[in-house]
Amino acid sequence: METPVTPTDLTPGACREALIPVTEVLAQIGGKWTVHILLSLSHRDHRFSELLRGVEGISQKMLTATLRDLERDGFVTRAVTPSIPPRVDYAITAMGRELVRPLGSLARWANDNRHRIEAARASYASREAAVRQASW
């Protein structure tokens, strides 16, 4: 069993090393399409073509790549049924379901606060425009 890291152990190198798994997971779940796919699969299994139609704006290539990454990391499973054409079904795993909880909270937060984010962006754009105008 690994010894837990204590605050006194947190040298810059130890901090960087401790953040590696966090960074890797956030890189995967922070992908543009990951949340959409996991939330869709949290309701029921989907065929590839259903996901392609259901995740608006995703390309076939990007769906394939994202599903491969999610399968590799253990968030989804892939089942191929031999037929013509082959049927491919995707299902969320137990670990994927665990991840959906905080993702759902994040999605709700983003939805509840989108007006604040839009206002902040408008304020930023206005300040930047004023700075550009003043520099002329």
N, C-alpha and C. Protein backbone atom coordinates (compact mmCIF):
# COMPACT_ATOMS: atom_id res chain seq x y z
N MET A 1 0.83 -1.18 0.00
CA MET A 1 0.00 0.00 0.00
C MET A 1 0.88 1.25 0.00
N GLU A 2 0.48 2.24 -0.76
CA GLU A 2 1.24 3.46 -0.92
C GLU A 2 1.11 4.34 0.31
N THR A 3 2.20 4.99 0.71
CA THR A 3 2.16 5.92 1.83
C THR A 3 1.54 7.22 1.35
N PRO A 4 0.55 7.76 2.10
CA PRO A 4 -0.07 9.02 1.67
C PRO A 4 0.92 10.17 1.71
N VAL A 5 0.71 11.11 0.81
CA VAL A 5 1.55 12.30 0.75
C VAL A 5 1.02 13.29 1.78
N THR A 6 1.90 13.84 2.60
CA THR A 6 1.51 14.84 3.59
C THR A 6 1.96 16.20 3.11
N PRO A 7 1.38 17.29 3.69
CA PRO A 7 1.77 18.64 3.24
C PRO A 7 3.26 18.91 3.33
N THR A 8 3.96 18.29 4.29
CA THR A 8 5.40 18.52 4.40
C THR A 8 6.17 17.85 3.27
N ASP A 9 5.55 16.86 2.61
CA ASP A 9 6.21 16.15 1.50
C ASP A 9 6.07 16.90 0.18
N LEU A 10 5.32 17.98 0.16
CA LEU A 10 4.96 18.59 -1.11
C LEU A 10 6.02 19.54 -1.63
N THR A 11 7.10 18.96 -2.07
CA THR A 11 8.12 19.73 -2.79
C THR A 11 7.55 20.00 -4.18
N PRO A 12 8.09 20.94 -4.91
CA PRO A 12 7.57 21.18 -6.27
C PRO A 12 7.55 19.90 -7.12
N GLY A 13 8.60 19.10 -7.02
CA GLY A 13 8.64 17.85 -7.79
C GLY A 13 7.55 16.88 -7.36
N ALA A 14 7.34 16.76 -6.04
CA ALA A 14 6.29 15.86 -5.52
C ALA A 14 4.92 16.35 -5.95
N CYS A 15 4.72 17.65 -5.95
CA CYS A 15 3.44 18.22 -6.39
C CYS A 15 3.18 17.88 -7.86
N ARG A 16 4.20 18.08 -8.69
CA ARG A 16 4.04 17.77 -10.11
C ARG A 16 3.71 16.29 -10.30
N GLU A 17 4.43 15.45 -9.58
CA GLU A 17 4.21 14.00 -9.70
C GLU A 17 2.81 13.62 -9.21
N ALA A 18 2.36 14.22 -8.12
CA ALA A 18 1.03 13.92 -7.58
C ALA A 18 -0.07 14.37 -8.53
N LEU A 19 0.20 15.38 -9.33
CA LEU A 19 -0.82 15.92 -10.25
C LEU A 19 -0.90 15.18 -11.58
N ILE A 20 0.06 14.31 -11.86
CA ILE A 20 0.05 13.61 -13.14
C ILE A 20 -1.25 12.84 -13.37
N PRO A 21 -1.71 11.99 -12.42
CA PRO A 21 -2.96 11.28 -12.69
C PRO A 21 -4.15 12.22 -12.83
N VAL A 22 -4.16 13.30 -12.05
CA VAL A 22 -5.25 14.27 -12.13
C VAL A 22 -5.25 14.91 -13.51
N THR A 23 -4.09 15.31 -13.97
CA THR A 23 -3.96 15.95 -15.28
C THR A 23 -4.42 15.01 -16.39
N GLU A 24 -4.01 13.75 -16.30
CA GLU A 24 -4.40 12.77 -17.33
C GLU A 24 -5.91 12.57 -17.36
N VAL A 25 -6.53 12.42 -16.19
CA VAL A 25 -7.98 12.21 -16.14
C VAL A 25 -8.71 13.45 -16.64
N LEU A 26 -8.27 14.62 -16.19
CA LEU A 26 -8.93 15.85 -16.64
C LEU A 26 -8.78 16.06 -18.14
N ALA A 27 -7.64 15.66 -18.69
CA ALA A 27 -7.46 15.77 -20.14
C ALA A 27 -8.49 14.91 -20.87
N GLN A 28 -8.76 13.71 -20.34
CA GLN A 28 -9.73 12.82 -20.98
C GLN A 28 -11.16 13.33 -20.79
N ILE A 29 -11.54 13.59 -19.55
CA ILE A 29 -12.94 13.97 -19.31
C ILE A 29 -13.23 15.40 -19.71
N GLY A 30 -12.15 16.19 -19.90
CA GLY A 30 -12.34 17.57 -20.33
C GLY A 30 -12.48 17.71 -21.84
N GLY A 31 -12.42 16.60 -22.56
CA GLY A 31 -12.58 16.64 -24.01
C GLY A 31 -13.95 17.17 -24.39
N LYS A 32 -14.02 17.80 -25.51
CA LYS A 32 -15.25 18.45 -25.96
C LYS A 32 -16.45 17.51 -25.99
N TRP A 33 -16.23 16.25 -26.33
CA TRP A 33 -17.35 15.33 -26.54
C TRP A 33 -17.58 14.33 -25.43
N THR A 34 -16.63 14.20 -24.52
CA THR A 34 -16.70 13.17 -23.50
C THR A 34 -17.95 13.28 -22.64
N VAL A 35 -18.25 14.47 -22.16
CA VAL A 35 -19.41 14.66 -21.29
C VAL A 35 -20.69 14.27 -22.02
N HIS A 36 -20.82 14.70 -23.28
CA HIS A 36 -22.02 14.37 -24.06
C HIS A 36 -22.19 12.86 -24.19
N ILE A 37 -21.11 12.20 -24.50
CA ILE A 37 -21.17 10.75 -24.72
C ILE A 37 -21.49 10.02 -23.43
N LEU A 38 -20.79 10.35 -22.35
CA LEU A 38 -21.04 9.67 -21.08
C LEU A 38 -22.45 9.93 -20.57
N LEU A 39 -22.94 11.15 -20.70
CA LEU A 39 -24.30 11.43 -20.25
C LEU A 39 -25.32 10.66 -21.09
N SER A 40 -25.09 10.55 -22.38
CA SER A 40 -25.99 9.76 -23.24
C SER A 40 -25.99 8.30 -22.82
N LEU A 41 -24.80 7.75 -22.59
CA LEU A 41 -24.69 6.33 -22.21
C LEU A 41 -25.18 6.07 -20.79
N SER A 42 -25.26 7.11 -19.96
CA SER A 42 -25.73 6.90 -18.59
C SER A 42 -27.21 6.56 -18.55
N HIS A 43 -27.94 6.88 -19.62
CA HIS A 43 -29.37 6.58 -19.67
C HIS A 43 -29.64 5.17 -20.20
N ARG A 44 -28.83 4.77 -21.20
CA ARG A 44 -28.97 3.43 -21.78
C ARG A 44 -27.82 3.18 -22.73
N ASP A 45 -27.64 1.91 -23.12
CA ASP A 45 -26.63 1.57 -24.11
C ASP A 45 -27.04 2.17 -25.46
N HIS A 46 -26.05 2.45 -26.27
CA HIS A 46 -26.31 3.03 -27.59
C HIS A 46 -25.47 2.32 -28.64
N ARG A 47 -26.04 2.21 -29.82
CA ARG A 47 -25.27 1.80 -30.98
C ARG A 47 -24.44 2.99 -31.43
N PHE A 48 -23.37 2.70 -32.15
CA PHE A 48 -22.49 3.76 -32.65
C PHE A 48 -23.31 4.79 -33.43
N SER A 49 -24.16 4.31 -34.33
CA SER A 49 -24.93 5.22 -35.18
C SER A 49 -25.88 6.10 -34.36
N GLU A 50 -26.41 5.57 -33.25
CA GLU A 50 -27.28 6.38 -32.39
C GLU A 50 -26.48 7.51 -31.74
N LEU A 51 -25.28 7.19 -31.28
CA LEU A 51 -24.44 8.23 -30.69
C LEU A 51 -24.07 9.28 -31.73
N LEU A 52 -23.77 8.83 -32.92
CA LEU A 52 -23.39 9.76 -33.99
C LEU A 52 -24.54 10.73 -34.27
N ARG A 53 -25.75 10.23 -34.30
CA ARG A 53 -26.91 11.10 -34.53
C ARG A 53 -27.25 11.93 -33.30
N GLY A 54 -27.03 11.39 -32.11
CA GLY A 54 -27.45 12.05 -30.88
C GLY A 54 -26.52 13.11 -30.35
N VAL A 55 -25.24 13.05 -30.69
CA VAL A 55 -24.27 14.03 -30.21
C VAL A 55 -24.08 15.04 -31.33
N GLU A 56 -24.82 16.10 -31.24
CA GLU A 56 -24.86 17.09 -32.32
C GLU A 56 -23.48 17.71 -32.58
N GLY A 57 -23.08 17.67 -33.84
CA GLY A 57 -21.84 18.32 -34.26
C GLY A 57 -20.62 17.43 -34.26
N ILE A 58 -20.70 16.22 -33.72
CA ILE A 58 -19.53 15.36 -33.66
C ILE A 58 -19.37 14.64 -35.00
N SER A 59 -18.13 14.50 -35.44
CA SER A 59 -17.86 13.77 -36.67
C SER A 59 -17.69 12.28 -36.34
N GLN A 60 -17.81 11.45 -37.34
CA GLN A 60 -17.63 10.01 -37.16
C GLN A 60 -16.22 9.72 -36.64
N LYS A 61 -15.24 10.41 -37.19
CA LYS A 61 -13.85 10.21 -36.78
C LYS A 61 -13.65 10.59 -35.31
N MET A 62 -14.21 11.72 -34.90
CA MET A 62 -14.05 12.18 -33.51
C MET A 62 -14.82 11.28 -32.54
N LEU A 63 -15.99 10.81 -32.94
CA LEU A 63 -16.75 9.88 -32.09
C LEU A 63 -15.96 8.60 -31.89
N THR A 64 -15.40 8.07 -32.97
CA THR A 64 -14.59 6.86 -32.89
C THR A 64 -13.41 7.06 -31.94
N ALA A 65 -12.69 8.16 -32.10
CA ALA A 65 -11.51 8.43 -31.27
C ALA A 65 -11.90 8.60 -29.80
N THR A 66 -12.98 9.33 -29.54
CA THR A 66 -13.40 9.56 -28.16
C THR A 66 -13.86 8.27 -27.51
N LEU A 67 -14.63 7.47 -28.24
CA LEU A 67 -15.08 6.19 -27.69
C LEU A 67 -13.90 5.26 -27.41
N ARG A 68 -12.91 5.26 -28.28
CA ARG A 68 -11.71 4.44 -28.05
C ARG A 68 -11.00 4.86 -26.76
N ASP A 69 -10.86 6.17 -26.59
CA ASP A 69 -10.22 6.68 -25.38
C ASP A 69 -11.02 6.32 -24.13
N LEU A 70 -12.34 6.46 -24.21
CA LEU A 70 -13.19 6.12 -23.06
C LEU A 70 -13.14 4.63 -22.76
N GLU A 71 -13.07 3.82 -23.80
CA GLU A 71 -12.95 2.37 -23.60
C GLU A 71 -11.58 2.03 -22.99
N ARG A 72 -10.53 2.62 -23.52
CA ARG A 72 -9.18 2.39 -23.02
C ARG A 72 -9.07 2.73 -21.54
N ASP A 73 -9.72 3.81 -21.12
CA ASP A 73 -9.63 4.27 -19.74
C ASP A 73 -10.64 3.59 -18.82
N GLY A 74 -11.48 2.71 -19.38
CA GLY A 74 -12.39 1.93 -18.55
C GLY A 74 -13.73 2.58 -18.25
N PHE A 75 -14.09 3.64 -19.00
CA PHE A 75 -15.36 4.32 -18.76
C PHE A 75 -16.52 3.73 -19.56
N VAL A 76 -16.21 3.10 -20.69
CA VAL A 76 -17.24 2.46 -21.51
C VAL A 76 -16.75 1.10 -21.98
N THR A 77 -17.72 0.27 -22.36
CA THR A 77 -17.40 -1.02 -22.98
C THR A 77 -17.97 -1.01 -24.39
N ARG A 78 -17.37 -1.84 -25.21
CA ARG A 78 -17.77 -1.94 -26.62
C ARG A 78 -18.08 -3.40 -26.90
N ALA A 79 -19.25 -3.65 -27.49
CA ALA A 79 -19.65 -5.02 -27.84
C ALA A 79 -19.99 -5.05 -29.32
N VAL A 80 -19.33 -5.96 -30.05
CA VAL A 80 -19.57 -6.12 -31.49
C VAL A 80 -20.40 -7.37 -31.69
N THR A 81 -21.52 -7.21 -32.38
CA THR A 81 -22.37 -8.34 -32.75
C THR A 81 -22.12 -8.61 -34.22
N PRO A 82 -21.65 -9.85 -34.54
CA PRO A 82 -21.38 -10.14 -35.95
C PRO A 82 -22.69 -10.18 -36.75
N SER A 83 -22.80 -9.26 -37.65
CA SER A 83 -23.94 -9.20 -38.57
C SER A 83 -23.47 -8.38 -39.76
N ILE A 84 -24.35 -8.20 -40.71
CA ILE A 84 -23.99 -7.38 -41.87
C ILE A 84 -24.98 -6.23 -41.93
N PRO A 85 -24.54 -5.01 -41.70
CA PRO A 85 -23.22 -4.60 -41.22
C PRO A 85 -23.06 -4.97 -39.74
N PRO A 86 -21.84 -4.99 -39.25
CA PRO A 86 -21.63 -5.34 -37.84
C PRO A 86 -22.34 -4.35 -36.92
N ARG A 87 -22.91 -4.87 -35.86
CA ARG A 87 -23.58 -4.02 -34.87
C ARG A 87 -22.59 -3.77 -33.74
N VAL A 88 -22.39 -2.51 -33.39
CA VAL A 88 -21.48 -2.13 -32.32
C VAL A 88 -22.27 -1.35 -31.28
N ASP A 89 -22.28 -1.88 -30.06
CA ASP A 89 -23.00 -1.24 -28.96
C ASP A 89 -22.00 -0.77 -27.91
N TYR A 90 -22.30 0.38 -27.33
CA TYR A 90 -21.47 0.94 -26.27
C TYR A 90 -22.30 1.05 -25.01
N ALA A 91 -21.66 0.74 -23.87
CA ALA A 91 -22.32 0.82 -22.57
C ALA A 91 -21.38 1.50 -21.59
N ILE A 92 -21.94 2.16 -20.63
CA ILE A 92 -21.14 2.80 -19.60
C ILE A 92 -20.78 1.75 -18.55
N THR A 93 -19.59 1.86 -17.98
CA THR A 93 -19.14 0.94 -16.94
C THR A 93 -19.50 1.52 -15.56
N ALA A 94 -19.25 0.73 -14.53
CA ALA A 94 -19.48 1.21 -13.16
C ALA A 94 -18.62 2.45 -12.89
N MET A 95 -17.37 2.42 -13.34
CA MET A 95 -16.50 3.57 -13.14
C MET A 95 -17.03 4.79 -13.92
N GLY A 96 -17.55 4.55 -15.11
CA GLY A 96 -18.15 5.63 -15.89
C GLY A 96 -19.35 6.23 -15.17
N ARG A 97 -20.16 5.38 -14.54
CA ARG A 97 -21.32 5.87 -13.78
C ARG A 97 -20.86 6.73 -12.60
N GLU A 98 -19.77 6.31 -11.95
CA GLU A 98 -19.23 7.11 -10.85
C GLU A 98 -18.81 8.49 -11.36
N LEU A 99 -18.23 8.52 -12.55
CA LEU A 99 -17.77 9.78 -13.12
C LEU A 99 -18.95 10.67 -13.54
N VAL A 100 -20.06 10.07 -13.95
CA VAL A 100 -21.21 10.86 -14.40
C VAL A 100 -21.75 11.74 -13.28
N ARG A 101 -21.66 11.28 -12.04
CA ARG A 101 -22.18 12.09 -10.92
C ARG A 101 -21.51 13.47 -10.86
N PRO A 102 -20.17 13.53 -10.74
CA PRO A 102 -19.58 14.88 -10.71
C PRO A 102 -19.72 15.62 -12.05
N LEU A 103 -19.72 14.89 -13.16
CA LEU A 103 -19.92 15.56 -14.45
C LEU A 103 -21.31 16.18 -14.53
N GLY A 104 -22.30 15.46 -14.00
CA GLY A 104 -23.66 16.00 -13.97
C GLY A 104 -23.73 17.26 -13.13
N SER A 105 -23.03 17.25 -11.99
CA SER A 105 -22.98 18.44 -11.14
C SER A 105 -22.32 19.60 -11.87
N LEU A 106 -21.23 19.30 -12.56
CA LEU A 106 -20.53 20.34 -13.32
C LEU A 106 -21.43 20.88 -14.44
N ALA A 107 -22.13 19.99 -15.13
CA ALA A 107 -23.03 20.42 -16.21
C ALA A 107 -24.15 21.30 -15.66
N ARG A 108 -24.70 20.93 -14.50
CA ARG A 108 -25.75 21.75 -13.88
C ARG A 108 -25.19 23.12 -13.49
N TRP A 109 -23.98 23.11 -12.89
CA TRP A 109 -23.36 24.37 -12.50
C TRP A 109 -23.17 25.27 -13.72
N ALA A 110 -22.64 24.69 -14.80
CA ALA A 110 -22.40 25.47 -16.03
C ALA A 110 -23.71 26.04 -16.56
N ASN A 111 -24.75 25.24 -16.55
CA ASN A 111 -26.05 25.70 -17.04
C ASN A 111 -26.61 26.81 -16.14
N ASP A 112 -26.51 26.62 -14.83
CA ASP A 112 -27.03 27.61 -13.88
C ASP A 112 -26.26 28.93 -13.92
N ASN A 113 -24.99 28.87 -14.32
CA ASN A 113 -24.14 30.05 -14.27
C ASN A 113 -23.77 30.60 -15.64
N ARG A 114 -24.38 30.09 -16.68
CA ARG A 114 -23.99 30.52 -18.02
C ARG A 114 -24.20 32.02 -18.22
N HIS A 115 -25.25 32.59 -17.61
CA HIS A 115 -25.48 34.03 -17.75
C HIS A 115 -24.36 34.84 -17.08
N ARG A 116 -23.84 34.36 -15.97
CA ARG A 116 -22.72 35.04 -15.31
C ARG A 116 -21.46 34.97 -16.16
N ILE A 117 -21.24 33.82 -16.78
CA ILE A 117 -20.07 33.65 -17.65
C ILE A 117 -20.20 34.55 -18.87
N GLU A 118 -21.40 34.59 -19.47
CA GLU A 118 -21.63 35.46 -20.62
C GLU A 118 -21.43 36.93 -20.25
N ALA A 119 -21.89 37.33 -19.07
CA ALA A 119 -21.71 38.71 -18.62
C ALA A 119 -20.23 39.02 -18.41
N ALA A 120 -19.50 38.08 -17.82
CA ALA A 120 -18.06 38.28 -17.62
C ALA A 120 -17.35 38.40 -18.95
N ARG A 121 -17.73 37.58 -19.92
CA ARG A 121 -17.11 37.65 -21.25
C ARG A 121 -17.40 38.97 -21.93
N ALA A 122 -18.65 39.44 -21.81
CA ALA A 122 -19.02 40.72 -22.41
C ALA A 122 -18.25 41.86 -21.75
N SER A 123 -18.10 41.80 -20.43
CA SER A 123 -17.35 42.82 -19.70
C SER A 123 -15.88 42.82 -20.12
N TYR A 124 -15.32 41.64 -20.25
CA TYR A 124 -13.93 41.50 -20.69
C TYR A 124 -13.75 42.07 -22.10
N ALA A 125 -14.65 41.71 -22.99
CA ALA A 125 -14.57 42.19 -24.37
C ALA A 125 -14.68 43.71 -24.42
N SER A 126 -15.53 44.27 -23.58
CA SER A 126 -15.71 45.71 -23.52
C SER A 126 -14.43 46.40 -23.02
N ARG A 127 -13.82 45.84 -21.97
CA ARG A 127 -12.57 46.39 -21.45
C ARG A 127 -11.46 46.30 -22.49
N GLU A 128 -11.38 45.15 -23.17
CA GLU A 128 -10.35 44.97 -24.20
C GLU A 128 -10.55 45.96 -25.36
N ALA A 129 -11.80 46.18 -25.73
CA ALA A 129 -12.09 47.12 -26.82
C ALA A 129 -11.68 48.52 -26.39
N ALA A 130 -11.93 48.89 -25.13
CA ALA A 130 -11.56 50.22 -24.63
C ALA A 130 -10.03 50.39 -24.63
N VAL A 131 -9.31 49.34 -24.24
CA VAL A 131 -7.84 49.40 -24.24
C VAL A 131 -7.32 49.57 -25.67
N ARG A 132 -7.90 48.79 -26.60
CA ARG A 132 -7.48 48.91 -28.01
C ARG A 132 -7.79 50.30 -28.55
N GLN A 133 -8.94 50.85 -28.20
CA GLN A 133 -9.34 52.18 -28.67
C GLN A 133 -8.39 53.24 -28.11
N ALA A 134 -8.02 53.09 -26.83
CA ALA A 134 -7.14 54.07 -26.19
C ALA A 134 -5.72 54.02 -26.75
N SER A 135 -5.33 52.87 -27.25
CA SER A 135 -3.95 52.74 -27.75
C SER A 135 -3.79 53.32 -29.15
N TRP A 136 -4.85 53.71 -29.77
CA TRP A 136 -4.73 54.33 -31.10
C TRP A 136 -4.29 55.71 -30.91
